[in-house]
Amino acid sequence: MAERSIAALKYPASFFHGPARFFMRTTSTATAWLVSITLMAGVAATSWYLGDQAAVTVAKIAIVPLYLLATKGLRAYFQNSSLEDADPKAVARFQFSDAALLAAFVVIVAAHANSAASRMVMDFVWIAALTGGTLTAAAWLRQKRQNNAK
């Protein structure tokens, strides 16, 4: 059997990345910086709205490049791993890993001084499960539709 990578699968790019999709393909440096700065400004506005102190705001803004780099690295890892004929388990692992990154980012940015740890854990689990499950189901349905079209 020929080995295939996730990049060789016939899924649209939207199934294999989260909000950092601009960094998953070749983009100009100016566009990459614009997206990063815009996301940082959104995080700063959210932090200001939550009434965070300056040090907390800076820490939350510093999370943005880490999140973008993590999503890019996750995509590169799964593109380089060999899979046999559109392995649904590998697709699910990718989708849930990407969802966990997104959930961690959202929980960190939305946290404020009075956030309870148990609430943050529940938010993380809820966001990761809902997002990962939805993206995995969408990828599975698309693969099924493509197989029926053949």
Foldseek 3Di string as FASTA:
>chain_A
DDWAFPVPDPDPLPLQADPLSVVQDDDDPVVNVVVLVVVLVVLLVLCVVLVADPVLNVVLSVVSVVLSVVRNVLSVVRRPDIDPDPPLVSSLVSLLVNQLSVLVSVLSSNDHPPDDPVVSVVSSVVRSCVRSVVSSVVVVVVVVVVVVVD
